[in-house]
C-alpha cells in the first residue's frame, strides 16, 4: 500500500507525505522481521525471547535492546525513543 500512497503523493507534490510514507514503509520492513521471528517461536511451541523494545516516535522504527544514537530511518536522537 505504501508504494501506491507514495505515487499519489509524488503526483500531488506532497513532500511531507512522501517523507512520512517512506519512513513508514521502512519501519514496516523491520516490523515484518520481528513478526517472522515471533511466528517461528510459535511454530516451535516456545515463547519468543525478546528484550526491551524501543520505538522512534517520529517514524515508527522499532528495535530490541538499546536504541541507536540516531534513528537509521529519520535521524531522531536516542533520547526521543519510547520504551514499549
N, C-alpha and C. Protein backbone atom coordinates (compact mmCIF):
# COMPACT_ATOMS: atom_id res chain seq x y z
N UNK A 1 0.82 -1.19 0.00
CA UNK A 1 0.00 0.00 0.00
C UNK A 1 0.86 1.26 0.00
N UNK A 2 2.03 1.21 0.66
CA UNK A 2 2.87 2.41 0.72
C UNK A 2 3.37 2.86 -0.65
N UNK A 3 3.78 1.94 -1.54
CA UNK A 3 4.19 2.40 -2.87
C UNK A 3 3.08 3.15 -3.61
N UNK A 4 1.84 2.69 -3.47
CA UNK A 4 0.71 3.37 -4.12
C UNK A 4 0.49 4.74 -3.49
N UNK A 5 0.53 4.82 -2.17
CA UNK A 5 0.37 6.10 -1.49
C UNK A 5 1.48 7.07 -1.89
N UNK A 6 2.68 6.52 -1.99
CA UNK A 6 3.83 7.35 -2.37
C UNK A 6 3.66 7.91 -3.78
N UNK A 7 3.16 7.09 -4.69
CA UNK A 7 2.95 7.53 -6.07
C UNK A 7 1.96 8.69 -6.13
N UNK A 8 0.89 8.60 -5.36
CA UNK A 8 -0.09 9.68 -5.33
C UNK A 8 0.53 10.95 -4.74
N UNK A 9 1.28 10.81 -3.67
CA UNK A 9 1.93 11.96 -3.05
C UNK A 9 2.92 12.62 -4.02
N UNK A 10 3.65 11.80 -4.79
CA UNK A 10 4.57 12.34 -5.79
C UNK A 10 3.81 13.13 -6.85
N UNK A 11 2.71 12.56 -7.31
CA UNK A 11 1.88 13.23 -8.31
C UNK A 11 1.37 14.59 -7.81
N UNK A 12 1.03 14.65 -6.54
CA UNK A 12 0.47 15.86 -5.96
C UNK A 12 1.53 16.79 -5.37
N UNK A 13 2.79 16.38 -5.44
CA UNK A 13 3.87 17.23 -4.92
C UNK A 13 3.86 17.40 -3.41
N UNK A 14 3.37 16.41 -2.70
CA UNK A 14 3.26 16.47 -1.24
C UNK A 14 4.54 15.92 -0.61
N UNK A 15 5.52 16.78 -0.41
CA UNK A 15 6.83 16.34 0.09
C UNK A 15 6.76 15.76 1.50
N UNK A 16 5.97 16.35 2.37
CA UNK A 16 5.90 15.82 3.74
C UNK A 16 5.21 14.45 3.75
N UNK A 17 4.23 14.27 2.88
CA UNK A 17 3.57 12.97 2.79
C UNK A 17 4.55 11.92 2.25
N UNK A 18 5.34 12.31 1.26
CA UNK A 18 6.35 11.40 0.72
C UNK A 18 7.30 10.93 1.81
N UNK A 19 7.76 11.85 2.62
CA UNK A 19 8.68 11.51 3.71
C UNK A 19 7.98 10.56 4.70
N UNK A 20 6.77 10.87 5.07
CA UNK A 20 6.04 10.03 6.03
C UNK A 20 5.83 8.61 5.50
N UNK A 21 5.44 8.50 4.23
CA UNK A 21 5.23 7.17 3.65
C UNK A 21 6.54 6.41 3.55
N UNK A 22 7.62 7.09 3.21
CA UNK A 22 8.92 6.44 3.13
C UNK A 22 9.35 5.93 4.51
N UNK A 23 9.20 6.76 5.52
CA UNK A 23 9.55 6.34 6.89
C UNK A 23 8.70 5.14 7.31
N UNK A 24 7.40 5.22 7.08
CA UNK A 24 6.50 4.13 7.49
C UNK A 24 6.85 2.83 6.77
N UNK A 25 7.12 2.92 5.49
CA UNK A 25 7.47 1.74 4.71
C UNK A 25 8.73 1.07 5.25
N UNK A 26 9.74 1.87 5.54
CA UNK A 26 10.98 1.31 6.08
C UNK A 26 10.80 0.73 7.48
N UNK A 27 9.99 1.37 8.31
CA UNK A 27 9.70 0.83 9.64
C UNK A 27 8.94 -0.49 9.53
N UNK A 28 8.02 -0.59 8.58
CA UNK A 28 7.24 -1.82 8.42
C UNK A 28 8.11 -2.99 8.00
N UNK A 29 9.18 -2.75 7.27
CA UNK A 29 10.11 -3.83 6.91
C UNK A 29 10.72 -4.43 8.18
N UNK A 30 11.05 -3.58 9.14
CA UNK A 30 11.62 -4.06 10.41
C UNK A 30 10.57 -4.80 11.21
N UNK A 31 9.35 -4.28 11.23
CA UNK A 31 8.26 -4.95 11.94
C UNK A 31 8.02 -6.34 11.36
N UNK A 32 8.09 -6.47 10.04
CA UNK A 32 7.87 -7.77 9.40
C UNK A 32 8.89 -8.79 9.88
N UNK A 33 10.14 -8.39 10.02
CA UNK A 33 11.18 -9.30 10.52
C UNK A 33 10.88 -9.73 11.96
N UNK A 34 10.41 -8.77 12.76
CA UNK A 34 10.08 -9.11 14.15
C UNK A 34 8.92 -10.09 14.20
N UNK A 35 7.92 -9.90 13.35
CA UNK A 35 6.79 -10.82 13.29
C UNK A 35 7.23 -12.20 12.84
N UNK A 36 8.14 -12.26 11.86
CA UNK A 36 8.66 -13.55 11.40
C UNK A 36 9.35 -14.31 12.54
N UNK A 37 10.13 -13.60 13.34
CA UNK A 37 10.80 -14.23 14.48
C UNK A 37 9.79 -14.73 15.50
N UNK A 38 8.76 -13.94 15.76
CA UNK A 38 7.72 -14.36 16.71
C UNK A 38 6.97 -15.58 16.19
N UNK A 39 6.67 -15.57 14.90
CA UNK A 39 5.96 -16.70 14.29
C UNK A 39 6.80 -17.97 14.37
N UNK A 40 8.09 -17.85 14.14
CA UNK A 40 8.98 -19.01 14.22
C UNK A 40 8.96 -19.60 15.63
N UNK A 41 8.91 -18.75 16.64
CA UNK A 41 8.84 -19.24 18.02
C UNK A 41 7.53 -19.98 18.25
N UNK A 42 6.44 -19.43 17.77
CA UNK A 42 5.13 -20.07 17.93
C UNK A 42 5.14 -21.44 17.26
N UNK A 43 5.70 -21.50 16.07
CA UNK A 43 5.73 -22.77 15.35
C UNK A 43 6.57 -23.83 16.07
N UNK A 44 7.54 -23.39 16.85
CA UNK A 44 8.36 -24.30 17.65
C UNK A 44 7.71 -24.61 18.99
N UNK A 45 6.62 -23.90 19.32
CA UNK A 45 5.93 -24.12 20.58
C UNK A 45 6.62 -23.50 21.78
N UNK A 46 7.41 -22.45 21.53
CA UNK A 46 8.12 -21.78 22.62
C UNK A 46 7.78 -20.28 22.61
N UNK A 47 8.00 -19.65 23.76
CA UNK A 47 7.82 -18.21 23.84
C UNK A 47 8.98 -17.51 23.15
N UNK A 48 8.68 -16.44 22.47
CA UNK A 48 9.73 -15.63 21.85
C UNK A 48 10.54 -14.97 22.95
N UNK A 49 11.84 -15.00 22.82
CA UNK A 49 12.72 -14.38 23.80
C UNK A 49 13.09 -12.99 23.28
N UNK A 50 12.52 -11.97 23.90
CA UNK A 50 12.81 -10.60 23.48
C UNK A 50 13.22 -9.76 24.67
N UNK A 51 13.98 -8.76 24.40
CA UNK A 51 14.39 -7.82 25.44
C UNK A 51 13.49 -6.60 25.41
N UNK A 52 14.01 -5.51 25.91
CA UNK A 52 13.27 -4.26 25.88
C UNK A 52 13.09 -3.83 24.43
N UNK A 53 11.94 -3.26 24.14
CA UNK A 53 11.62 -2.76 22.81
C UNK A 53 11.53 -1.23 22.88
N UNK A 54 12.19 -0.56 21.95
CA UNK A 54 12.15 0.89 21.85
C UNK A 54 11.62 1.28 20.48
N UNK A 55 10.78 2.32 20.47
CA UNK A 55 10.14 2.78 19.24
C UNK A 55 10.43 4.26 19.03
N UNK A 56 10.80 4.60 17.80
CA UNK A 56 11.01 6.01 17.45
C UNK A 56 9.62 6.65 17.28
N UNK A 57 9.35 7.73 18.00
CA UNK A 57 8.02 8.34 17.92
C UNK A 57 7.78 9.10 16.61
N UNK A 58 8.83 9.34 15.84
CA UNK A 58 8.65 10.07 14.58
C UNK A 58 8.30 9.17 13.41
N UNK A 59 9.02 8.04 13.30
CA UNK A 59 8.84 7.21 12.11
C UNK A 59 8.36 5.79 12.40
N UNK A 60 8.42 5.36 13.66
CA UNK A 60 7.98 4.01 14.00
C UNK A 60 9.07 2.96 13.98
N UNK A 61 10.32 3.37 13.69
CA UNK A 61 11.43 2.41 13.74
C UNK A 61 11.41 1.73 15.10
N UNK A 62 11.53 0.41 15.10
CA UNK A 62 11.44 -0.38 16.31
C UNK A 62 12.70 -1.22 16.46
N UNK A 63 13.23 -1.25 17.67
CA UNK A 63 14.46 -2.00 17.91
C UNK A 63 14.37 -2.73 19.24
N UNK A 64 14.92 -3.94 19.26
CA UNK A 64 15.03 -4.69 20.51
C UNK A 64 16.36 -4.32 21.14
N UNK A 65 16.34 -4.01 22.43
CA UNK A 65 17.56 -3.57 23.11
C UNK A 65 17.69 -2.06 23.02
N UNK A 66 18.86 -1.57 23.31
CA UNK A 66 19.08 -0.12 23.31
C UNK A 66 18.94 0.47 21.92
N UNK A 67 18.28 1.61 21.83
CA UNK A 67 18.16 2.27 20.52
C UNK A 67 19.51 2.85 20.09
N UNK A 68 19.67 3.06 18.80
CA UNK A 68 20.92 3.64 18.30
C UNK A 68 21.02 5.12 18.68
N UNK A 69 22.21 5.68 18.52
CA UNK A 69 22.41 7.12 18.80
C UNK A 69 21.43 7.96 18.00
N UNK A 70 21.24 7.59 16.74
CA UNK A 70 20.29 8.26 15.86
C UNK A 70 19.47 7.21 15.13
N UNK A 71 18.21 7.49 14.96
CA UNK A 71 17.33 6.58 14.23
C UNK A 71 17.85 6.43 12.79
N UNK A 72 18.01 5.19 12.32
CA UNK A 72 18.51 5.00 10.96
C UNK A 72 17.52 5.40 9.87
N UNK A 73 16.27 5.60 10.24
CA UNK A 73 15.27 5.99 9.25
C UNK A 73 15.09 7.50 9.18
N UNK A 74 14.88 8.14 10.34
CA UNK A 74 14.56 9.57 10.32
C UNK A 74 15.59 10.46 10.99
N UNK A 75 16.55 9.86 11.69
CA UNK A 75 17.60 10.66 12.32
C UNK A 75 17.27 11.18 13.71
N UNK A 76 16.15 10.76 14.30
CA UNK A 76 15.78 11.19 15.65
C UNK A 76 16.84 10.73 16.65
N UNK A 77 17.06 11.52 17.68
CA UNK A 77 18.05 11.19 18.69
C UNK A 77 17.57 10.05 19.59
N UNK A 78 18.53 9.32 20.16
CA UNK A 78 18.23 8.19 21.05
C UNK A 78 17.26 8.58 22.17
N UNK A 79 17.45 9.77 22.72
CA UNK A 79 16.64 10.22 23.85
C UNK A 79 15.14 10.30 23.52
N UNK A 80 14.80 10.42 22.25
CA UNK A 80 13.40 10.56 21.89
C UNK A 80 12.67 9.21 21.80
N UNK A 81 13.43 8.11 21.74
CA UNK A 81 12.80 6.79 21.64
C UNK A 81 11.97 6.49 22.88
N UNK A 82 10.87 5.79 22.69
CA UNK A 82 9.97 5.41 23.78
C UNK A 82 10.09 3.92 24.03
N UNK A 83 10.23 3.56 25.31
CA UNK A 83 10.29 2.15 25.68
C UNK A 83 8.88 1.58 25.64
N UNK A 84 8.73 0.41 25.01
CA UNK A 84 7.42 -0.21 24.88
C UNK A 84 7.28 -1.30 25.92
